[in-house]
Full PDB file with SEQRES, HELIX, SHEET, SSBOND, CRYST1, ORIGX, SCALE, CONECT and MASTER records, all heavy atoms in Angstrom:
SEQRES   1 A   37  ASN THR VAL TYR LEU GLN MET ASN SER LEU LYS PRO GLU          
SEQRES   2 A   37  ASP THR ALA VAL TYR TYR CYS ALA ALA ARG ARG THR TYR          
SEQRES   3 A   37  SER PRO THR LEU VAL GLY THR ARG ARG ALA ASP                  
HELIX    1 AA1 PRO A   12  ASP A   14  5                                   3    
CRYST1    1.000    1.000    1.000  90.00  90.00  90.00 P 1           1          
ORIGX1      1.000000  0.000000  0.000000        0.00000                         
ORIGX2      0.000000  1.000000  0.000000        0.00000                         
ORIGX3      0.000000  0.000000  1.000000        0.00000                         
SCALE1      1.000000  0.000000  0.000000        0.00000                         
SCALE2      0.000000  1.000000  0.000000        0.00000                         
SCALE3      0.000000  0.000000  1.000000        0.00000                         
ATOM      1  N   ASN A   1      22.249 105.914 -46.123  1.00  0.00           N  
ATOM      2  CA  ASN A   1      21.336 106.473 -45.116  1.00  0.00           C  
ATOM      3  C   ASN A   1      20.507 107.617 -45.682  1.00  0.00           C  
ATOM      4  O   ASN A   1      20.345 108.672 -45.042  1.00  0.00           O  
ATOM      5  CB  ASN A   1      22.115 106.963 -43.889  1.00  0.00           C  
ATOM      6  CG  ASN A   1      22.624 105.826 -43.035  1.00  0.00           C  
ATOM      7  OD1 ASN A   1      22.308 104.674 -43.273  1.00  0.00           O  
ATOM      8  ND2 ASN A   1      23.430 106.150 -42.046  1.00  0.00           N  
ATOM      9  N   THR A   2      19.985 107.412 -46.871  1.00  0.00           N  
ATOM     10  CA  THR A   2      19.268 108.478 -47.561  1.00  0.00           C  
ATOM     11  C   THR A   2      17.990 107.932 -48.189  1.00  0.00           C  
ATOM     12  O   THR A   2      17.975 106.820 -48.731  1.00  0.00           O  
ATOM     13  CB  THR A   2      20.155 109.108 -48.655  1.00  0.00           C  
ATOM     14  OG1 THR A   2      21.352 109.615 -48.048  1.00  0.00           O  
ATOM     15  CG2 THR A   2      19.430 110.265 -49.339  1.00  0.00           C  
ATOM     16  N   VAL A   3      16.939 108.732 -48.109  1.00  0.00           N  
ATOM     17  CA  VAL A   3      15.686 108.429 -48.789  1.00  0.00           C  
ATOM     18  C   VAL A   3      15.416 109.551 -49.785  1.00  0.00           C  
ATOM     19  O   VAL A   3      15.773 110.711 -49.534  1.00  0.00           O  
ATOM     20  CB  VAL A   3      14.531 108.261 -47.784  1.00  0.00           C  
ATOM     21  CG1 VAL A   3      14.267 109.538 -47.005  1.00  0.00           C  
ATOM     22  CG2 VAL A   3      13.270 107.785 -48.475  1.00  0.00           C  
ATOM     23  N   TYR A   4      14.816 109.189 -50.895  1.00  0.00           N  
ATOM     24  CA  TYR A   4      14.584 110.143 -51.983  1.00  0.00           C  
ATOM     25  C   TYR A   4      13.103 110.218 -52.325  1.00  0.00           C  
ATOM     26  O   TYR A   4      12.351 109.264 -52.128  1.00  0.00           O  
ATOM     27  CB  TYR A   4      15.351 109.711 -53.234  1.00  0.00           C  
ATOM     28  CG  TYR A   4      16.822 109.492 -53.014  1.00  0.00           C  
ATOM     29  CD1 TYR A   4      17.323 108.214 -52.769  1.00  0.00           C  
ATOM     30  CD2 TYR A   4      17.713 110.557 -53.044  1.00  0.00           C  
ATOM     31  CE1 TYR A   4      18.678 108.003 -52.560  1.00  0.00           C  
ATOM     32  CE2 TYR A   4      19.077 110.351 -52.840  1.00  0.00           C  
ATOM     33  CZ  TYR A   4      19.546 109.080 -52.588  1.00  0.00           C  
ATOM     34  OH  TYR A   4      20.890 108.879 -52.377  1.00  0.00           O  
ATOM     35  N   LEU A   5      12.719 111.352 -52.880  1.00  0.00           N  
ATOM     36  CA  LEU A   5      11.388 111.491 -53.456  1.00  0.00           C  
ATOM     37  C   LEU A   5      11.553 112.152 -54.814  1.00  0.00           C  
ATOM     38  O   LEU A   5      11.880 113.335 -54.895  1.00  0.00           O  
ATOM     39  CB  LEU A   5      10.474 112.323 -52.567  1.00  0.00           C  
ATOM     40  CG  LEU A   5       9.030 112.430 -53.056  1.00  0.00           C  
ATOM     41  CD1 LEU A   5       8.328 111.066 -52.981  1.00  0.00           C  
ATOM     42  CD2 LEU A   5       8.248 113.468 -52.260  1.00  0.00           C  
ATOM     43  N   GLN A   6      11.363 111.369 -55.859  1.00  0.00           N  
ATOM     44  CA  GLN A   6      11.390 111.898 -57.217  1.00  0.00           C  
ATOM     45  C   GLN A   6       9.999 112.370 -57.584  1.00  0.00           C  
ATOM     46  O   GLN A   6       9.045 111.591 -57.514  1.00  0.00           O  
ATOM     47  CB  GLN A   6      11.855 110.811 -58.198  1.00  0.00           C  
ATOM     48  CG  GLN A   6      11.844 111.246 -59.646  1.00  0.00           C  
ATOM     49  CD  GLN A   6      12.898 112.300 -59.958  1.00  0.00           C  
ATOM     50  OE1 GLN A   6      14.031 112.192 -59.516  1.00  0.00           O  
ATOM     51  NE2 GLN A   6      12.507 113.310 -60.724  1.00  0.00           N  
ATOM     52  N   MET A   7       9.892 113.639 -57.936  1.00  0.00           N  
ATOM     53  CA  MET A   7       8.590 114.219 -58.256  1.00  0.00           C  
ATOM     54  C   MET A   7       8.610 114.710 -59.700  1.00  0.00           C  
ATOM     55  O   MET A   7       9.447 115.537 -60.070  1.00  0.00           O  
ATOM     56  CB  MET A   7       8.282 115.372 -57.308  1.00  0.00           C  
ATOM     57  CG  MET A   7       8.285 114.976 -55.835  1.00  0.00           C  
ATOM     58  SD  MET A   7       7.679 116.282 -54.760  1.00  0.00           S  
ATOM     59  CE  MET A   7       8.934 117.517 -55.014  1.00  0.00           C  
ATOM     60  N   ASN A   8       7.687 114.203 -60.487  1.00  0.00           N  
ATOM     61  CA  ASN A   8       7.573 114.570 -61.892  1.00  0.00           C  
ATOM     62  C   ASN A   8       6.215 115.214 -62.155  1.00  0.00           C  
ATOM     63  O   ASN A   8       5.300 115.099 -61.338  1.00  0.00           O  
ATOM     64  CB  ASN A   8       7.746 113.341 -62.778  1.00  0.00           C  
ATOM     65  CG  ASN A   8       9.080 112.644 -62.582  1.00  0.00           C  
ATOM     66  OD1 ASN A   8      10.108 113.300 -62.379  1.00  0.00           O  
ATOM     67  ND2 ASN A   8       9.079 111.331 -62.636  1.00  0.00           N  
ATOM     68  N   SER A   9       6.101 115.848 -63.296  1.00  0.00           N  
ATOM     69  CA  SER A   9       4.835 116.477 -63.701  1.00  0.00           C  
ATOM     70  C   SER A   9       4.262 117.318 -62.569  1.00  0.00           C  
ATOM     71  O   SER A   9       3.078 117.212 -62.220  1.00  0.00           O  
ATOM     72  CB  SER A   9       3.823 115.402 -64.129  1.00  0.00           C  
ATOM     73  OG  SER A   9       4.336 114.622 -65.181  1.00  0.00           O  
ATOM     74  N   LEU A  10       5.105 118.152 -62.001  1.00  0.00           N  
ATOM     75  CA  LEU A  10       4.696 118.941 -60.841  1.00  0.00           C  
ATOM     76  C   LEU A  10       3.598 119.927 -61.192  1.00  0.00           C  
ATOM     77  O   LEU A  10       3.556 120.485 -62.300  1.00  0.00           O  
ATOM     78  CB  LEU A  10       5.900 119.659 -60.249  1.00  0.00           C  
ATOM     79  CG  LEU A  10       6.818 118.754 -59.417  1.00  0.00           C  
ATOM     80  CD1 LEU A  10       8.186 119.398 -59.226  1.00  0.00           C  
ATOM     81  CD2 LEU A  10       6.179 118.449 -58.072  1.00  0.00           C  
ATOM     82  N   LYS A  11       2.723 120.138 -60.212  1.00  0.00           N  
ATOM     83  CA  LYS A  11       1.583 121.040 -60.359  1.00  0.00           C  
ATOM     84  C   LYS A  11       1.682 122.143 -59.311  1.00  0.00           C  
ATOM     85  O   LYS A  11       2.287 121.939 -58.255  1.00  0.00           O  
ATOM     86  CB  LYS A  11       0.282 120.264 -60.155  1.00  0.00           C  
ATOM     87  CG  LYS A  11       0.121 119.046 -61.043  1.00  0.00           C  
ATOM     88  CD  LYS A  11      -1.142 118.282 -60.668  1.00  0.00           C  
ATOM     89  CE  LYS A  11      -1.310 117.037 -61.513  1.00  0.00           C  
ATOM     90  NZ  LYS A  11      -2.537 116.277 -61.148  1.00  0.00           N  
ATOM     91  N   PRO A  12       1.054 123.279 -59.562  1.00  0.00           N  
ATOM     92  CA  PRO A  12       1.066 124.348 -58.537  1.00  0.00           C  
ATOM     93  C   PRO A  12       0.544 123.865 -57.181  1.00  0.00           C  
ATOM     94  O   PRO A  12       1.037 124.330 -56.137  1.00  0.00           O  
ATOM     95  CB  PRO A  12       0.162 125.419 -59.152  1.00  0.00           C  
ATOM     96  CG  PRO A  12       0.313 125.227 -60.625  1.00  0.00           C  
ATOM     97  CD  PRO A  12       0.443 123.743 -60.812  1.00  0.00           C  
ATOM     98  N   GLU A  13      -0.379 122.946 -57.185  1.00  0.00           N  
ATOM     99  CA  GLU A  13      -0.921 122.451 -55.914  1.00  0.00           C  
ATOM    100  C   GLU A  13       0.058 121.549 -55.159  1.00  0.00           C  
ATOM    101  O   GLU A  13      -0.221 121.142 -54.028  1.00  0.00           O  
ATOM    102  CB  GLU A  13      -2.250 121.714 -56.131  1.00  0.00           C  
ATOM    103  CG  GLU A  13      -2.227 120.658 -57.215  1.00  0.00           C  
ATOM    104  CD  GLU A  13      -2.735 121.183 -58.553  1.00  0.00           C  
ATOM    105  OE1 GLU A  13      -2.356 122.308 -58.950  1.00  0.00           O  
ATOM    106  OE2 GLU A  13      -3.501 120.442 -59.210  1.00  0.00           O  
ATOM    107  N   ASP A  14       1.182 121.242 -55.759  1.00  0.00           N  
ATOM    108  CA  ASP A  14       2.234 120.518 -55.052  1.00  0.00           C  
ATOM    109  C   ASP A  14       3.099 121.455 -54.202  1.00  0.00           C  
ATOM    110  O   ASP A  14       3.956 120.990 -53.448  1.00  0.00           O  
ATOM    111  CB  ASP A  14       3.136 119.780 -56.039  1.00  0.00           C  
ATOM    112  CG  ASP A  14       2.423 118.655 -56.769  1.00  0.00           C  
ATOM    113  OD1 ASP A  14       1.649 117.920 -56.118  1.00  0.00           O  
ATOM    114  OD2 ASP A  14       2.643 118.528 -57.988  1.00  0.00           O  
ATOM    115  N   THR A  15       2.877 122.758 -54.336  1.00  0.00           N  
ATOM    116  CA  THR A  15       3.637 123.726 -53.558  1.00  0.00           C  
ATOM    117  C   THR A  15       3.408 123.518 -52.068  1.00  0.00           C  
ATOM    118  O   THR A  15       2.257 123.507 -51.605  1.00  0.00           O  
ATOM    119  CB  THR A  15       3.242 125.155 -53.958  1.00  0.00           C  
ATOM    120  OG1 THR A  15       3.628 125.383 -55.319  1.00  0.00           O  
ATOM    121  CG2 THR A  15       3.916 126.180 -53.059  1.00  0.00           C  
ATOM    122  N   ALA A  16       4.494 123.334 -51.332  1.00  0.00           N  
ATOM    123  CA  ALA A  16       4.401 123.054 -49.896  1.00  0.00           C  
ATOM    124  C   ALA A  16       5.815 122.926 -49.334  1.00  0.00           C  
ATOM    125  O   ALA A  16       6.794 122.863 -50.086  1.00  0.00           O  
ATOM    126  CB  ALA A  16       3.631 121.763 -49.649  1.00  0.00           C  
ATOM    127  N   VAL A  17       5.882 122.870 -48.030  1.00  0.00           N  
ATOM    128  CA  VAL A  17       7.106 122.441 -47.369  1.00  0.00           C  
ATOM    129  C   VAL A  17       7.037 120.924 -47.246  1.00  0.00           C  
ATOM    130  O   VAL A  17       6.040 120.383 -46.765  1.00  0.00           O  
ATOM    131  CB  VAL A  17       7.267 123.094 -45.984  1.00  0.00           C  
ATOM    132  CG1 VAL A  17       8.535 122.573 -45.305  1.00  0.00           C  
ATOM    133  CG2 VAL A  17       7.313 124.609 -46.107  1.00  0.00           C  
ATOM    134  N   TYR A  18       8.093 120.269 -47.695  1.00  0.00           N  
ATOM    135  CA  TYR A  18       8.140 118.811 -47.678  1.00  0.00           C  
ATOM    136  C   TYR A  18       9.025 118.337 -46.527  1.00  0.00           C  
ATOM    137  O   TYR A  18      10.167 118.796 -46.376  1.00  0.00           O  
ATOM    138  CB  TYR A  18       8.661 118.292 -49.012  1.00  0.00           C  
ATOM    139  CG  TYR A  18       7.611 118.341 -50.091  1.00  0.00           C  
ATOM    140  CD1 TYR A  18       7.202 119.558 -50.626  1.00  0.00           C  
ATOM    141  CD2 TYR A  18       7.012 117.187 -50.577  1.00  0.00           C  
ATOM    142  CE1 TYR A  18       6.217 119.626 -51.598  1.00  0.00           C  
ATOM    143  CE2 TYR A  18       6.024 117.234 -51.559  1.00  0.00           C  
ATOM    144  CZ  TYR A  18       5.642 118.458 -52.054  1.00  0.00           C  
ATOM    145  OH  TYR A  18       4.659 118.518 -53.021  1.00  0.00           O  
ATOM    146  N   TYR A  19       8.478 117.414 -45.749  1.00  0.00           N  
ATOM    147  CA  TYR A  19       9.158 116.896 -44.570  1.00  0.00           C  
ATOM    148  C   TYR A  19       9.437 115.409 -44.735  1.00  0.00           C  
ATOM    149  O   TYR A  19       8.594 114.651 -45.216  1.00  0.00           O  
ATOM    150  CB  TYR A  19       8.299 117.085 -43.330  1.00  0.00           C  
ATOM    151  CG  TYR A  19       8.012 118.520 -42.976  1.00  0.00           C  
ATOM    152  CD1 TYR A  19       6.888 119.169 -43.484  1.00  0.00           C  
ATOM    153  CD2 TYR A  19       8.856 119.230 -42.126  1.00  0.00           C  
ATOM    154  CE1 TYR A  19       6.612 120.482 -43.160  1.00  0.00           C  
ATOM    155  CE2 TYR A  19       8.584 120.543 -41.796  1.00  0.00           C  
ATOM    156  CZ  TYR A  19       7.463 121.163 -42.315  1.00  0.00           C  
ATOM    157  OH  TYR A  19       7.204 122.470 -41.990  1.00  0.00           O  
ATOM    158  N   CYS A  20      10.591 115.038 -44.249  1.00  0.00           N  
ATOM    159  CA  CYS A  20      10.992 113.639 -44.183  1.00  0.00           C  
ATOM    160  C   CYS A  20      10.730 113.151 -42.759  1.00  0.00           C  
ATOM    161  O   CYS A  20      10.903 113.912 -41.796  1.00  0.00           O  
ATOM    162  CB  CYS A  20      12.476 113.568 -44.536  1.00  0.00           C  
ATOM    163  SG  CYS A  20      13.267 112.012 -44.283  1.00  0.00           S  
ATOM    164  N   ALA A  21      10.327 111.890 -42.614  1.00  0.00           N  
ATOM    165  CA  ALA A  21      10.036 111.349 -41.294  1.00  0.00           C  
ATOM    166  C   ALA A  21      10.484 109.894 -41.214  1.00  0.00           C  
ATOM    167  O   ALA A  21      10.499 109.187 -42.220  1.00  0.00           O  
ATOM    168  CB  ALA A  21       8.544 111.451 -41.001  1.00  0.00           C  
ATOM    169  N   ALA A  22      10.835 109.473 -39.998  1.00  0.00           N  
ATOM    170  CA  ALA A  22      11.312 108.106 -39.770  1.00  0.00           C  
ATOM    171  C   ALA A  22      10.465 107.411 -38.722  1.00  0.00           C  
ATOM    172  O   ALA A  22      10.016 108.030 -37.750  1.00  0.00           O  
ATOM    173  CB  ALA A  22      12.772 108.130 -39.321  1.00  0.00           C  
ATOM    174  N   ARG A  23      10.293 106.120 -38.943  1.00  0.00           N  
ATOM    175  CA  ARG A  23       9.514 105.300 -38.029  1.00  0.00           C  
ATOM    176  C   ARG A  23      10.301 104.031 -37.727  1.00  0.00           C  
ATOM    177  O   ARG A  23      10.491 103.200 -38.613  1.00  0.00           O  
ATOM    178  CB  ARG A  23       8.169 104.931 -38.658  1.00  0.00           C  
ATOM    179  CG  ARG A  23       7.332 103.991 -37.822  1.00  0.00           C  
ATOM    180  CD  ARG A  23       6.058 103.588 -38.540  1.00  0.00           C  
ATOM    181  NE  ARG A  23       5.167 102.850 -37.657  1.00  0.00           N  
ATOM    182  CZ  ARG A  23       3.979 102.400 -38.000  1.00  0.00           C  
ATOM    183  NH1 ARG A  23       3.541 102.588 -39.229  1.00  0.00           N  
ATOM    184  NH2 ARG A  23       3.241 101.744 -37.146  1.00  0.00           N  
ATOM    185  N   ARG A  24      10.735 103.909 -36.495  1.00  0.00           N  
ATOM    186  CA  ARG A  24      11.487 102.723 -36.114  1.00  0.00           C  
ATOM    187  C   ARG A  24      10.544 101.524 -36.091  1.00  0.00           C  
ATOM    188  O   ARG A  24       9.472 101.566 -35.500  1.00  0.00           O  
ATOM    189  CB  ARG A  24      12.106 102.932 -34.731  1.00  0.00           C  
ATOM    190  CG  ARG A  24      12.950 101.788 -34.240  1.00  0.00           C  
ATOM    191  CD  ARG A  24      14.326 101.801 -34.870  1.00  0.00           C  
ATOM    192  NE  ARG A  24      15.098 100.632 -34.489  1.00  0.00           N  
ATOM    193  CZ  ARG A  24      15.788 100.513 -33.368  1.00  0.00           C  
ATOM    194  NH1 ARG A  24      15.810 101.518 -32.496  1.00  0.00           N  
ATOM    195  NH2 ARG A  24      16.462  99.416 -33.110  1.00  0.00           N  
ATOM    196  N   THR A  25      10.962 100.442 -36.749  1.00  0.00           N  
ATOM    197  CA  THR A  25      10.117  99.261 -36.783  1.00  0.00           C  
ATOM    198  C   THR A  25      10.957  98.028 -37.084  1.00  0.00           C  
ATOM    199  O   THR A  25      11.965  98.101 -37.789  1.00  0.00           O  
ATOM    200  CB  THR A  25       9.005  99.394 -37.842  1.00  0.00           C  
ATOM    201  OG1 THR A  25       8.260  98.177 -37.886  1.00  0.00           O  
ATOM    202  CG2 THR A  25       9.585  99.652 -39.235  1.00  0.00           C  
ATOM    203  N   TYR A  26      10.531  96.870 -36.549  1.00  0.00           N  
ATOM    204  CA  TYR A  26      11.196  95.608 -36.841  1.00  0.00           C  
ATOM    205  C   TYR A  26      10.612  94.936 -38.084  1.00  0.00           C  
ATOM    206  O   TYR A  26      11.195  94.009 -38.627  1.00  0.00           O  
ATOM    207  CB  TYR A  26      11.098  94.644 -35.653  1.00  0.00           C  
ATOM    208  CG  TYR A  26      11.852  95.125 -34.447  1.00  0.00           C  
ATOM    209  CD1 TYR A  26      11.187  95.633 -33.341  1.00  0.00           C  
ATOM    210  CD2 TYR A  26      13.249  95.085 -34.416  1.00  0.00           C  
ATOM    211  CE1 TYR A  26      11.880  96.080 -32.232  1.00  0.00           C  
ATOM    212  CE2 TYR A  26      13.951  95.535 -33.316  1.00  0.00           C  
ATOM    213  CZ  TYR A  26      13.258  96.029 -32.228  1.00  0.00           C  
ATOM    214  OH  TYR A  26      13.950  96.474 -31.134  1.00  0.00           O  
ATOM    215  N   SER A  27       9.459  95.436 -38.506  1.00  0.00           N  
ATOM    216  CA  SER A  27       8.791  94.821 -39.652  1.00  0.00           C  
ATOM    217  C   SER A  27       9.414  95.291 -40.960  1.00  0.00           C  
ATOM    218  O   SER A  27       9.536  96.490 -41.184  1.00  0.00           O  
ATOM    219  CB  SER A  27       7.309  95.175 -39.652  1.00  0.00           C  
ATOM    220  OG  SER A  27       6.719  94.796 -40.867  1.00  0.00           O  
ATOM    221  N   PRO A  28       9.755  94.377 -41.850  1.00  0.00           N  
ATOM    222  CA  PRO A  28      10.348  94.774 -43.134  1.00  0.00           C  
ATOM    223  C   PRO A  28       9.336  95.310 -44.131  1.00  0.00           C  
ATOM    224  O   PRO A  28       9.726  95.817 -45.187  1.00  0.00           O  
ATOM    225  CB  PRO A  28      10.979  93.480 -43.652  1.00  0.00           C  
ATOM    226  CG  PRO A  28      10.153  92.413 -43.030  1.00  0.00           C  
ATOM    227  CD  PRO A  28       9.747  92.929 -41.681  1.00  0.00           C  
ATOM    228  N   THR A  29       8.032  95.216 -43.788  1.00  0.00           N  
ATOM    229  CA  THR A  29       7.014  95.673 -44.734  1.00  0.00           C  
ATOM    230  C   THR A  29       6.170  96.826 -44.202  1.00  0.00           C  
ATOM    231  O   THR A  29       5.391  97.402 -44.938  1.00  0.00           O  
ATOM    232  CB  THR A  29       6.081  94.514 -45.111  1.00  0.00           C  
ATOM    233  OG1 THR A  29       5.451  94.032 -43.920  1.00  0.00           O  
ATOM    234  CG2 THR A  29       6.843  93.386 -45.786  1.00  0.00           C  
ATOM    235  N   LEU A  30       6.333  97.170 -42.944  1.00  0.00           N  
ATOM    236  CA  LEU A  30       5.503  98.223 -42.366  1.00  0.00           C  
ATOM    237  C   LEU A  30       5.906  99.583 -42.904  1.00  0.00           C  
ATOM    238  O   LEU A  30       7.091  99.885 -43.027  1.00  0.00           O  
ATOM    239  CB  LEU A  30       5.631  98.200 -40.848  1.00  0.00           C  
ATOM    240  CG  LEU A  30       4.663  99.083 -40.056  1.00  0.00           C  
ATOM    241  CD1 LEU A  30       3.233  98.601 -40.262  1.00  0.00           C  
ATOM    242  CD2 LEU A  30       5.028  99.084 -38.590  1.00  0.00           C  
ATOM    243  N   VAL A  31       4.921 100.426 -43.206  1.00  0.00           N  
ATOM    244  CA  VAL A  31       5.219 101.767 -43.695  1.00  0.00           C  
ATOM    245  C   VAL A  31       4.583 102.816 -42.787  1.00  0.00           C  
ATOM    246  O   VAL A  31       5.265 103.490 -42.039  1.00  0.00           O  
ATOM    247  CB  VAL A  31       4.748 101.960 -45.147  1.00  0.00           C  
ATOM    248  CG1 VAL A  31       5.082 103.379 -45.619  1.00  0.00           C  
ATOM    249  CG2 VAL A  31       5.414 100.941 -46.053  1.00  0.00           C  
ATOM    250  N   GLY A  32       3.262 102.948 -42.851  1.00  0.00           N  
ATOM    251  CA  GLY A  32       2.577 103.981 -42.093  1.00  0.00           C  
ATOM    252  C   GLY A  32       2.239 105.161 -42.965  1.00  0.00           C  
ATOM    253  O   GLY A  32       2.990 105.523 -43.875  1.00  0.00           O  
ATOM    254  N   THR A  33       1.083 105.770 -42.691  1.00  0.00           N  
ATOM    255  CA  THR A  33       0.639 106.932 -43.454  1.00  0.00           C  
ATOM    256  C   THR A  33       0.211 108.088 -42.563  1.00  0.00           C  
ATOM    257  O   THR A  33      -0.099 109.170 -43.068  1.00  0.00           O  
ATOM    258  CB  THR A  33      -0.538 106.555 -44.378  1.00  0.00           C  
ATOM    259  OG1 THR A  33      -1.613 106.091 -43.563  1.00  0.00           O  
ATOM    260  CG2 THR A  33      -0.142 105.467 -45.364  1.00  0.00           C  
ATOM    261  N   ARG A  34       0.172 107.891 -41.280  1.00  0.00           N  
ATOM    262  CA  ARG A  34      -0.265 108.938 -40.362  1.00  0.00           C  
ATOM    263  C   ARG A  34       0.927 109.651 -39.735  1.00  0.00           C  
ATOM    264  O   ARG A  34       1.966 109.036 -39.498  1.00  0.00           O  
ATOM    265  CB  ARG A  34      -1.128 108.335 -39.255  1.00  0.00           C  
ATOM    266  CG  ARG A  34      -2.341 107.549 -39.720  1.00  0.00           C  
ATOM    267  CD  ARG A  34      -3.028 106.919 -38.525  1.00  0.00           C  
ATOM    268  NE  ARG A  34      -2.078 106.094 -37.763  1.00  0.00           N  
ATOM    269  CZ  ARG A  34      -2.254 105.761 -36.490  1.00  0.00           C  
ATOM    270  NH1 ARG A  34      -3.327 106.184 -35.843  1.00  0.00           N  
ATOM    271  NH2 ARG A  34      -1.371 105.009 -35.881  1.00  0.00           N  
ATOM    272  N   ARG A  35       0.753 110.917 -39.443  1.00  0.00           N  
ATOM    273  CA  ARG A  35       1.810 111.668 -38.752  1.00  0.00           C  
ATOM    274  C   ARG A  35       2.212 110.973 -37.467  1.00  0.00           C  
ATOM    275  O   ARG A  35       3.401 110.894 -37.125  1.00  0.00           O  
ATOM    276  CB  ARG A  35       1.326 113.084 -38.433  1.00  0.00           C  
ATOM    277  CG  ARG A  35       1.228 113.997 -39.626  1.00  0.00           C  
ATOM    278  CD  ARG A  35       0.848 115.398 -39.195  1.00  0.00           C  
ATOM    279  NE  ARG A  35       1.841 116.009 -38.327  1.00  0.00           N  
ATOM    280  CZ  ARG A  35       1.763 117.237 -37.842  1.00  0.00           C  
ATOM    281  NH1 ARG A  35       0.712 117.976 -38.138  1.00  0.00           N  
ATOM    282  NH2 ARG A  35       2.707 117.736 -37.079  1.00  0.00           N  
ATOM    283  N   ALA A  36       1.236 110.455 -36.744  1.00  0.00           N  
ATOM    284  CA  ALA A  36       1.512 109.829 -35.451  1.00  0.00           C  
ATOM    285  C   ALA A  36       2.321 108.545 -35.571  1.00  0.00           C  
ATOM    286  O   ALA A  36       2.869 108.056 -34.578  1.00  0.00           O  
ATOM    287  CB  ALA A  36       0.201 109.542 -34.730  1.00  0.00           C  
ATOM    288  N   ASP A  37       2.405 107.995 -36.777  1.00  0.00           N  
ATOM    289  CA  ASP A  37       3.182 106.765 -36.972  1.00  0.00           C  
ATOM    290  C   ASP A  37       4.681 107.030 -36.911  1.00  0.00           C  
ATOM    291  O   ASP A  37       5.466 106.116 -36.714  1.00  0.00           O  
ATOM    292  CB  ASP A  37       2.851 106.150 -38.334  1.00  0.00           C  
ATOM    293  CG  ASP A  37       1.435 105.602 -38.413  1.00  0.00           C  
ATOM    294  OD1 ASP A  37       0.882 105.243 -37.361  1.00  0.00           O  
ATOM    295  OD2 ASP A  37       0.887 105.545 -39.535  1.00  0.00           O  
TER     296      ASP A  37                                                      
MASTER        0    0    0    1    0    0    0    6  295    1    0    3          
END                                                                             
C-alpha cells in the first residue's frame, strides 16, 4: 500500500512541499494530472 517517487539529479527549483494524492478509479490505465482529479 505504498507509492514511491525516486528523484535524481535534483535541482534547487525542485524545492517544494511534495504531496501524495489518490484517485479512486475502476480503470487500470487512468492516471490524471489535475488537482481536481
